[in-house]
Structures are given as C-alpha cells and as structure tokens.
Amino acid sequence: MTARPNDRISATKFSAMAADGSHPIYSRCAAAAGRTLWEVLEATAEAFPGASAIDDGESVLSYRDLLSEGRQAGYRLAARGIGAGDRIGIRMTSGRAGFYLSILAVLSVGAAYVPVSLNDPVDRTELVWSVAGVRAIIGDGGELTWRTGRHRRSPARRPVPEDDAWIMITPGTGGLPKGVAVTHGNAAAFVDPEARRFLRGDSLGSGDQVPAGRPAAFDASWAEMWLAWRHGACLFPDRRAG
C-alpha cells in the first residue's frame, strides 16, 4: 500500500497502513503531567534508593546519596543568598560527581545553571556570563565566585515547572552569543517518554549504564544525564568530554 503526497487518506486506510508496519507512522504519546527535574530525581530515588546513580571512576553514588548530597549542596547555596530566579554559572572539571552535584544544588533552590567548559578561553567565558546574566559561578571544590548581587538574598524554594532549569549559549549567526533557556516543565516532558520512544521493548532501568560523553556546555549533555536518572540507570561520565 503506497500513499502519494496529495492523497487524502481515510481513517480505515490509515489504520491499515499503520498495521502493515512498512510505513513510518508513529502514534502520538500522551502529554506528560507538568513536573520538575527535581521531582523526576525524587521519584527515581524513591523507586531505586540503593541503585547506582553515578560512577565517575573514583566513587559511586546511589540515588539516595545523590539526592541527599545534591540537597545538602543546595542548602549551602541558599545560605549564601542564592535562590529562585538566579542564574548560576558552572565551570568545573568535567566527568566528576561534583559537577553533577553542583547542577542539582542549583536546581534544588529554584535557580538555573549556565555551564561553561573549563577549556573555554577566558574572554568567551566572560561573554557567556554576561549574556546569561550570571550572578555567581561555582568552580572546582564548590568554590563560589560572585559576579553581581553578592549581598542580595534571593528566596530559595523548590523549583516549579515554569522555572528555567538551565541556559545554554549558542554562537549566534551574527557572531554574538545567544542564550536559550529551557524550563523544568519542558525538560521533564522530553525526559518522561524518551526511553519508551527510543528503546521500545527494552527500556532502561536499574542496573543499566548510560555513558555521558558530551561536553558540559553542549546542549545534549543534559539528555544523557536525565535519560539515566529518569529510569534508575547509572550515569558513567567521560572525563575527556571537556
């Protein structure tokens, strides 16, 4: 059975084409309920508390520990006056658990993170911070460097689906970087059906492993992270990613 571009396909014929299996017809997935990435992690930690969540080659954190340590790191940010609506830069050595814990700390207080590769030149890094309106930067060892608003206190709270989760900076066709913000709700709506769509019949789960080989400042890096953490798999970061 073949359909030409201008054909009007009846419901009966459409069903027959789908059943035939030789045509690229995909069923529509139900929309996911609005939630945050933090809620995604909480749900996974509740379902698989003792399962390995991240293995950076030096240490292994269970989901229980990942959630707990991410929350504790968030409390430390809140104590410094960082909270909802803030944009926090992350410039750390890639492939280590501390990098991911810093991301979770930022998310836990309702702020958005802005990742920059440790290998990026200083002038580009500063331009990214300016474009994104970064208030403070987390470096290796959790060191916090202020850029603006050091004495301002933003109220820390749990994120809501409408909050920005992260901001990625693109080169821009005109030569100037442009920021693209992604909300918790949009990210979670992608993460929830991801494994079901791409791994039909063999979805990810506890005990599986997901490599993380994308650079921290590359927009696909978050997909690797949350593909693992949404389904209880273990994230294996590649330290050479940059």
C-alpha atoms as a PDB file:
ATOM      1  CA  MET A   1       0.000   0.000   0.000  1.00  0.00           C
ATOM      2  CA  THR A   2       1.519   3.323  -1.071  1.00  0.00           C
ATOM      3  CA  ALA A   3       0.434   6.891  -0.329  1.00  0.00           C
ATOM      4  CA  ARG A   4       1.229   9.771  -2.683  1.00  0.00           C
ATOM      5  CA  PRO A   5       1.800  13.297  -1.304  1.00  0.00           C
ATOM      6  CA  ASN A   6      -1.622  14.611  -2.390  1.00  0.00           C
ATOM      7  CA  ASP A   7      -3.633  11.564  -1.345  1.00  0.00           C
ATOM      8  CA  ARG A   8      -6.411  12.042   1.181  1.00  0.00           C
ATOM      9  CA  ILE A   9      -6.093   9.032   3.444  1.00  0.00           C
ATOM     10  CA  SER A  10      -9.225   7.742   5.115  1.00  0.00           C
ATOM     11  CA  ALA A  11      -9.169   6.562   8.713  1.00  0.00           C
ATOM     12  CA  THR A  12      -9.617   2.962   7.548  1.00  0.00           C
ATOM     13  CA  LYS A  13      -6.715   3.174   5.118  1.00  0.00           C
ATOM     14  CA  PHE A  14      -4.529   4.941   7.694  1.00  0.00           C
ATOM     15  CA  SER A  15      -5.114   2.149  10.196  1.00  0.00           C
ATOM     16  CA  ALA A  16      -4.277  -0.448   7.548  1.00  0.00           C
ATOM     17  CA  MET A  17      -1.030   1.369   6.688  1.00  0.00           C
ATOM     18  CA  ALA A  18      -0.041   1.509  10.349  1.00  0.00           C
ATOM     19  CA  ALA A  19      -0.799  -2.188  10.803  1.00  0.00           C
ATOM     20  CA  ASP A  20       1.237  -3.030   7.685  1.00  0.00           C
ATOM     21  CA  GLY A  21       4.379  -1.956   9.526  1.00  0.00           C
ATOM     22  CA  SER A  22       6.314  -0.787   6.458  1.00  0.00           C
ATOM     23  CA  HIS A  23       5.379   2.881   6.764  1.00  0.00           C
ATOM     24  CA  PRO A  24       6.949   5.444   9.148  1.00  0.00           C
ATOM     25  CA  ILE A  25       3.792   6.165  11.116  1.00  0.00           C
ATOM     26  CA  TYR A  26       4.208   6.902  14.802  1.00  0.00           C
ATOM     27  CA  SER A  27       1.479   7.034  17.369  1.00  0.00           C
ATOM     28  CA  ARG A  28       1.125  10.171  19.465  1.00  0.00           C
ATOM     29  CA  CYS A  29       2.304   9.887  23.056  1.00  0.00           C
ATOM     30  CA  ALA A  30       0.116  11.214  25.828  1.00  0.00           C
ATOM     31  CA  ALA A  31       1.349  14.515  27.236  1.00  0.00           C
ATOM     32  CA  ALA A  32       3.281  14.134  30.461  1.00  0.00           C
ATOM     33  CA  ALA A  33       1.954  15.809  33.594  1.00  0.00           C
ATOM     34  CA  GLY A  34       3.823  19.010  34.415  1.00  0.00           C
ATOM     35  CA  ARG A  35       6.638  18.442  36.873  1.00  0.00           C
ATOM     36  CA  THR A  36      10.234  19.443  37.514  1.00  0.00           C
ATOM     37  CA  LEU A  37      13.546  17.674  37.016  1.00  0.00           C
ATOM     38  CA  TRP A  38      13.963  17.721  40.789  1.00  0.00           C
ATOM     39  CA  GLU A  39      10.694  15.814  41.116  1.00  0.00           C
ATOM     40  CA  VAL A  40      11.931  13.379  38.466  1.00  0.00           C
ATOM     41  CA  LEU A  41      15.002  12.657  40.588  1.00  0.00           C
ATOM     42  CA  GLU A  42      12.968  12.359  43.783  1.00  0.00           C
ATOM     43  CA  ALA A  43      10.669   9.809  42.157  1.00  0.00           C
ATOM     44  CA  THR A  44      13.600   7.741  40.907  1.00  0.00           C
ATOM     45  CA  ALA A  45      15.343   7.883  44.292  1.00  0.00           C
ATOM     46  CA  GLU A  46      12.163   6.658  45.938  1.00  0.00           C
ATOM     47  CA  ALA A  47      11.828   3.784  43.471  1.00  0.00           C
ATOM     48  CA  PHE A  48      15.524   2.780  43.422  1.00  0.00           C
ATOM     49  CA  PRO A  49      17.163   4.228  46.563  1.00  0.00           C
ATOM     50  CA  GLY A  50      20.112   1.830  46.639  1.00  0.00           C
ATOM     51  CA  ALA A  51      20.762   1.640  42.899  1.00  0.00           C
ATOM     52  CA  SER A  52      23.888   3.281  41.489  1.00  0.00           C
ATOM     53  CA  ALA A  53      23.117   6.733  40.087  1.00  0.00           C
ATOM     54  CA  ILE A  54      26.603   7.889  39.059  1.00  0.00           C
ATOM     55  CA  ASP A  55      30.011   6.260  38.787  1.00  0.00           C
ATOM     56  CA  ASP A  56      32.811   8.716  37.982  1.00  0.00           C
ATOM     57  CA  GLY A  57      35.627   6.204  38.290  1.00  0.00           C
ATOM     58  CA  GLU A  58      36.558   7.351  41.783  1.00  0.00           C
ATOM     59  CA  SER A  59      33.314   6.930  43.674  1.00  0.00           C
ATOM     60  CA  VAL A  60      29.820   5.561  43.188  1.00  0.00           C
ATOM     61  CA  LEU A  61      26.753   7.378  44.488  1.00  0.00           C
ATOM     62  CA  SER A  62      23.428   5.664  44.980  1.00  0.00           C
ATOM     63  CA  TYR A  63      20.229   7.515  44.149  1.00  0.00           C
ATOM     64  CA  ARG A  64      19.629   8.020  47.858  1.00  0.00           C
ATOM     65  CA  ASP A  65      23.060   9.608  48.249  1.00  0.00           C
ATOM     66  CA  LEU A  66      22.831  11.635  45.031  1.00  0.00           C
ATOM     67  CA  LEU A  67      19.564  13.213  46.150  1.00  0.00           C
ATOM     68  CA  SER A  68      20.818  13.800  49.691  1.00  0.00           C
ATOM     69  CA  GLU A  69      24.146  15.329  48.659  1.00  0.00           C
ATOM     70  CA  GLY A  70      22.512  17.450  45.960  1.00  0.00           C
ATOM     71  CA  ARG A  71      20.030  18.737  48.535  1.00  0.00           C
ATOM     72  CA  GLN A  72      22.797  19.492  51.077  1.00  0.00           C
ATOM     73  CA  ALA A  73      24.766  21.390  48.425  1.00  0.00           C
ATOM     74  CA  GLY A  74      21.586  23.336  47.688  1.00  0.00           C
ATOM     75  CA  TYR A  75      21.252  24.281  51.365  1.00  0.00           C
ATOM     76  CA  ARG A  76      24.764  25.747  51.218  1.00  0.00           C
ATOM     77  CA  LEU A  77      23.835  27.855  48.195  1.00  0.00           C
ATOM     78  CA  ALA A  78      20.676  29.032  49.934  1.00  0.00           C
ATOM     79  CA  ALA A  79      22.736  30.042  52.971  1.00  0.00           C
ATOM     80  CA  ARG A  80      24.772  32.290  50.658  1.00  0.00           C
ATOM     81  CA  GLY A  81      21.617  34.003  49.405  1.00  0.00           C
ATOM     82  CA  ILE A  82      21.169  32.109  46.121  1.00  0.00           C
ATOM     83  CA  GLY A  83      17.638  31.138  45.202  1.00  0.00           C
ATOM     84  CA  ALA A  84      14.774  31.219  42.746  1.00  0.00           C
ATOM     85  CA  GLY A  85      15.330  33.180  39.556  1.00  0.00           C
ATOM     86  CA  ASP A  86      19.110  33.351  39.893  1.00  0.00           C
ATOM     87  CA  ARG A  87      21.391  32.186  37.109  1.00  0.00           C
ATOM     88  CA  ILE A  88      24.469  30.381  38.342  1.00  0.00           C
ATOM     89  CA  GLY A  89      27.467  29.561  36.179  1.00  0.00           C
ATOM     90  CA  ILE A  90      29.188  26.199  36.486  1.00  0.00           C
ATOM     91  CA  ARG A  91      32.797  25.944  35.336  1.00  0.00           C
ATOM     92  CA  MET A  92      34.278  22.763  36.727  1.00  0.00           C
ATOM     93  CA  THR A  93      36.395  19.790  35.748  1.00  0.00           C
ATOM     94  CA  SER A  94      34.095  17.543  33.751  1.00  0.00           C
ATOM     95  CA  GLY A  95      33.347  13.902  34.400  1.00  0.00           C
ATOM     96  CA  ARG A  96      33.309  14.103  38.176  1.00  0.00           C
ATOM     97  CA  ALA A  97      30.444  13.643  40.566  1.00  0.00           C
ATOM     98  CA  GLY A  98      30.974  17.149  41.954  1.00  0.00           C
ATOM     99  CA  PHE A  99      29.986  18.673  38.622  1.00  0.00           C
ATOM    100  CA  TYR A 100      26.626  16.906  38.642  1.00  0.00           C
ATOM    101  CA  LEU A 101      26.037  17.623  42.328  1.00  0.00           C
ATOM    102  CA  SER A 102      26.552  21.329  41.610  1.00  0.00           C
ATOM    103  CA  ILE A 103      23.898  21.167  38.894  1.00  0.00           C
ATOM    104  CA  LEU A 104      21.466  19.512  41.294  1.00  0.00           C
ATOM    105  CA  ALA A 105      22.268  22.058  44.000  1.00  0.00           C
ATOM    106  CA  VAL A 106      21.366  24.920  41.665  1.00  0.00           C
ATOM    107  CA  LEU A 107      18.157  23.233  40.545  1.00  0.00           C
ATOM    108  CA  SER A 108      17.096  22.427  44.102  1.00  0.00           C
ATOM    109  CA  VAL A 109      16.816  26.114  45.115  1.00  0.00           C
ATOM    110  CA  GLY A 110      14.848  27.181  42.040  1.00  0.00           C
ATOM    111  CA  ALA A 111      17.815  28.688  40.171  1.00  0.00           C
ATOM    112  CA  ALA A 112      19.067  27.925  36.650  1.00  0.00           C
ATOM    113  CA  TYR A 113      22.581  26.737  35.793  1.00  0.00           C
ATOM    114  CA  VAL A 114      24.769  28.007  32.959  1.00  0.00           C
ATOM    115  CA  PRO A 115      27.540  25.512  32.081  1.00  0.00           C
ATOM    116  CA  VAL A 116      30.841  26.546  30.504  1.00  0.00           C
ATOM    117  CA  SER A 117      33.686  24.249  29.543  1.00  0.00           C
ATOM    118  CA  LEU A 118      36.827  24.547  31.643  1.00  0.00           C
ATOM    119  CA  ASN A 119      38.759  24.658  28.354  1.00  0.00           C
ATOM    120  CA  ASP A 120      36.964  27.729  27.001  1.00  0.00           C
ATOM    121  CA  PRO A 121      39.068  30.900  26.786  1.00  0.00           C
ATOM    122  CA  VAL A 122      38.509  33.497  29.478  1.00  0.00           C
ATOM    123  CA  ASP A 123      37.116  36.138  27.116  1.00  0.00           C
ATOM    124  CA  ARG A 124      34.418  33.810  25.767  1.00  0.00           C
ATOM    125  CA  THR A 125      33.593  32.625  29.271  1.00  0.00           C
ATOM    126  CA  GLU A 126      33.092  36.180  30.476  1.00  0.00           C
ATOM    127  CA  LEU A 127      30.918  36.929  27.474  1.00  0.00           C
ATOM    128  CA  VAL A 128      28.728  33.914  28.284  1.00  0.00           C
ATOM    129  CA  TRP A 129      28.346  35.040  31.892  1.00  0.00           C
ATOM    130  CA  SER A 130      27.297  38.499  30.724  1.00  0.00           C
ATOM    131  CA  VAL A 131      24.814  37.264  28.113  1.00  0.00           C
ATOM    132  CA  ALA A 132      23.174  34.881  30.595  1.00  0.00           C
ATOM    133  CA  GLY A 133      23.092  37.382  33.450  1.00  0.00           C
ATOM    134  CA  VAL A 134      25.054  35.047  35.729  1.00  0.00           C
ATOM    135  CA  ARG A 135      25.096  36.120  39.363  1.00  0.00           C
ATOM    136  CA  ALA A 136      27.733  33.724  40.701  1.00  0.00           C
ATOM    137  CA  ILE A 137      29.970  30.920  39.449  1.00  0.00           C
ATOM    138  CA  ILE A 138      30.637  27.529  41.003  1.00  0.00           C
ATOM    139  CA  GLY A 139      34.150  26.216  40.409  1.00  0.00           C
ATOM    140  CA  ASP A 140      36.056  23.087  41.383  1.00  0.00           C
ATOM    141  CA  GLY A 141      35.672  22.160  45.024  1.00  0.00           C
ATOM    142  CA  GLY A 142      32.401  24.076  45.216  1.00  0.00           C
ATOM    143  CA  GLU A 143      34.197  27.444  45.296  1.00  0.00           C
ATOM    144  CA  LEU A 144      31.710  30.257  44.724  1.00  0.00           C
ATOM    145  CA  THR A 145      32.785  33.394  42.856  1.00  0.00           C
ATOM    146  CA  TRP A 146      30.384  36.343  42.796  1.00  0.00           C
ATOM    147  CA  ARG A 147      29.833  38.476  39.715  1.00  0.00           C
ATOM    148  CA  THR A 148      26.962  40.647  40.898  1.00  0.00           C
ATOM    149  CA  GLY A 149      24.430  40.980  43.704  1.00  0.00           C
ATOM    150  CA  ARG A 150      26.669  39.467  46.355  1.00  0.00           C
ATOM    151  CA  HIS A 151      24.691  40.994  49.216  1.00  0.00           C
ATOM    152  CA  ARG A 152      21.265  40.385  47.686  1.00  0.00           C
ATOM    153  CA  ARG A 153      19.292  37.437  49.018  1.00  0.00           C
ATOM    154  CA  SER A 154      17.040  35.525  46.634  1.00  0.00           C
ATOM    155  CA  PRO A 155      14.423  33.296  48.307  1.00  0.00           C
ATOM    156  CA  ALA A 156      15.350  29.642  47.891  1.00  0.00           C
ATOM    157  CA  ARG A 157      12.427  27.321  47.170  1.00  0.00           C
ATOM    158  CA  ARG A 158      11.614  24.137  45.340  1.00  0.00           C
ATOM    159  CA  PRO A 159      11.551  24.652  41.588  1.00  0.00           C
ATOM    160  CA  VAL A 160       8.245  24.768  39.715  1.00  0.00           C
ATOM    161  CA  PRO A 161       7.697  23.590  36.114  1.00  0.00           C
ATOM    162  CA  GLU A 162       7.767  27.186  34.826  1.00  0.00           C
ATOM    163  CA  ASP A 163      11.245  27.875  36.260  1.00  0.00           C
ATOM    164  CA  ASP A 164      14.252  27.857  33.940  1.00  0.00           C
ATOM    165  CA  ALA A 165      16.401  24.795  34.620  1.00  0.00           C
ATOM    166  CA  TRP A 166      19.416  25.784  32.530  1.00  0.00           C
ATOM    167  CA  ILE A 167      20.607  28.228  29.910  1.00  0.00           C
ATOM    168  CA  MET A 168      22.779  27.142  27.010  1.00  0.00           C
ATOM    169  CA  ILE A 169      24.685  29.736  24.990  1.00  0.00           C
ATOM    170  CA  THR A 170      24.780  29.331  21.200  1.00  0.00           C
ATOM    171  CA  PRO A 171      27.358  31.074  18.952  1.00  0.00           C
ATOM    172  CA  GLY A 172      24.701  33.070  17.102  1.00  0.00           C
ATOM    173  CA  THR A 173      24.618  33.735  13.379  1.00  0.00           C
ATOM    174  CA  GLY A 174      25.597  37.365  13.881  1.00  0.00           C
ATOM    175  CA  GLY A 175      28.730  36.493  15.843  1.00  0.00           C
ATOM    176  CA  LEU A 176      27.292  37.318  19.269  1.00  0.00           C
ATOM    177  CA  PRO A 177      26.274  34.518  21.642  1.00  0.00           C
ATOM    178  CA  LYS A 178      22.575  33.969  22.253  1.00  0.00           C
ATOM    179  CA  GLY A 179      21.098  32.317  25.316  1.00  0.00           C
ATOM    180  CA  VAL A 180      18.474  29.573  25.115  1.00  0.00           C
ATOM    181  CA  ALA A 181      16.625  28.858  28.364  1.00  0.00           C
ATOM    182  CA  VAL A 182      14.901  25.521  28.989  1.00  0.00           C
ATOM    183  CA  THR A 183      12.265  25.214  31.697  1.00  0.00           C
ATOM    184  CA  HIS A 184      11.847  22.310  34.095  1.00  0.00           C
ATOM    185  CA  GLY A 185       8.454  21.523  32.604  1.00  0.00           C
ATOM    186  CA  ASN A 186       9.753  21.338  29.050  1.00  0.00           C
ATOM    187  CA  ALA A 187      12.762  19.236  30.022  1.00  0.00           C
ATOM    188  CA  ALA A 188      10.679  16.787  32.062  1.00  0.00           C
ATOM    189  CA  ALA A 189       8.159  16.463  29.224  1.00  0.00           C
ATOM    190  CA  PHE A 190      11.011  15.291  26.992  1.00  0.00           C
ATOM    191  CA  VAL A 191      12.625  13.019  29.553  1.00  0.00           C
ATOM    192  CA  ASP A 192       9.492  11.123  30.539  1.00  0.00           C
ATOM    193  CA  PRO A 193       8.782   9.464  27.156  1.00  0.00           C
ATOM    194  CA  GLU A 194      12.402   9.371  25.917  1.00  0.00           C
ATOM    195  CA  ALA A 195      13.316   5.800  26.787  1.00  0.00           C
ATOM    196  CA  ARG A 196       9.903   4.458  25.771  1.00  0.00           C
ATOM    197  CA  ARG A 197      10.254   6.048  22.324  1.00  0.00           C
ATOM    198  CA  PHE A 198      13.845   5.099  21.544  1.00  0.00           C
ATOM    199  CA  LEU A 199      14.148   1.809  23.435  1.00  0.00           C
ATOM    200  CA  ARG A 200      10.821   0.157  22.771  1.00  0.00           C
ATOM    201  CA  GLY A 201      10.555  -3.226  24.365  1.00  0.00           C
ATOM    202  CA  ASP A 202      13.859  -2.814  26.185  1.00  0.00           C
ATOM    203  CA  SER A 203      13.561   0.354  28.248  1.00  0.00           C
ATOM    204  CA  LEU A 204      16.259   1.484  30.633  1.00  0.00           C
ATOM    205  CA  GLY A 205      16.112   0.520  34.273  1.00  0.00           C
ATOM    206  CA  SER A 206      18.053  -0.070  37.446  1.00  0.00           C
ATOM    207  CA  GLY A 207      21.389  -1.784  36.725  1.00  0.00           C
ATOM    208  CA  ASP A 208      21.720  -0.358  33.212  1.00  0.00           C
ATOM    209  CA  GLN A 209      24.509   2.062  32.320  1.00  0.00           C
ATOM    210  CA  VAL A 210      24.397   5.301  30.341  1.00  0.00           C
ATOM    211  CA  PRO A 211      27.653   6.929  29.143  1.00  0.00           C
ATOM    212  CA  ALA A 212      27.931  10.711  29.395  1.00  0.00           C
ATOM    213  CA  GLY A 213      30.346  11.820  26.697  1.00  0.00           C
ATOM    214  CA  ARG A 214      29.013  15.243  25.708  1.00  0.00           C
ATOM    215  CA  PRO A 215      30.840  18.415  26.803  1.00  0.00           C
ATOM    216  CA  ALA A 216      29.201  20.160  29.745  1.00  0.00           C
ATOM    217  CA  ALA A 217      28.350  23.231  27.684  1.00  0.00           C
ATOM    218  CA  PHE A 218      26.805  21.211  24.833  1.00  0.00           C
ATOM    219  CA  ASP A 219      23.012  21.128  24.937  1.00  0.00           C
ATOM    220  CA  ALA A 220      22.800  17.339  24.503  1.00  0.00           C
ATOM    221  CA  SER A 221      24.679  16.756  27.769  1.00  0.00           C
ATOM    222  CA  TRP A 222      21.506  17.136  29.824  1.00  0.00           C
ATOM    223  CA  ALA A 223      19.743  14.413  27.804  1.00  0.00           C
ATOM    224  CA  GLU A 224      22.382  11.837  28.758  1.00  0.00           C
ATOM    225  CA  MET A 225      22.122  12.825  32.395  1.00  0.00           C
ATOM    226  CA  TRP A 226      18.356  12.662  32.677  1.00  0.00           C
ATOM    227  CA  LEU A 227      17.939   9.650  30.425  1.00  0.00           C
ATOM    228  CA  ALA A 228      19.817   7.742  33.132  1.00  0.00           C
ATOM    229  CA  TRP A 229      18.263   9.428  36.149  1.00  0.00           C
ATOM    230  CA  ARG A 230      14.671   9.240  34.945  1.00  0.00           C
ATOM    231  CA  HIS A 231      14.869   5.462  34.612  1.00  0.00           C
ATOM    232  CA  GLY A 232      17.113   4.425  37.501  1.00  0.00           C
ATOM    233  CA  ALA A 233      20.190   3.706  35.384  1.00  0.00           C
ATOM    234  CA  CYS A 234      23.785   4.579  36.294  1.00  0.00           C
ATOM    235  CA  LEU A 235      25.491   7.549  34.616  1.00  0.00           C
ATOM    236  CA  PHE A 236      29.117   6.997  33.558  1.00  0.00           C
ATOM    237  CA  PRO A 237      30.757  10.377  32.822  1.00  0.00           C
ATOM    238  CA  ASP A 238      33.699  10.630  30.418  1.00  0.00           C
ATOM    239  CA  ARG A 239      36.315  12.967  31.866  1.00  0.00           C
ATOM    240  CA  ARG A 240      37.680  13.680  28.404  1.00  0.00           C
ATOM    241  CA  ALA A 241      34.424  15.346  27.331  1.00  0.00           C
ATOM    242  CA  GLY A 242      35.614  18.840  28.306  1.00  0.00           C
END
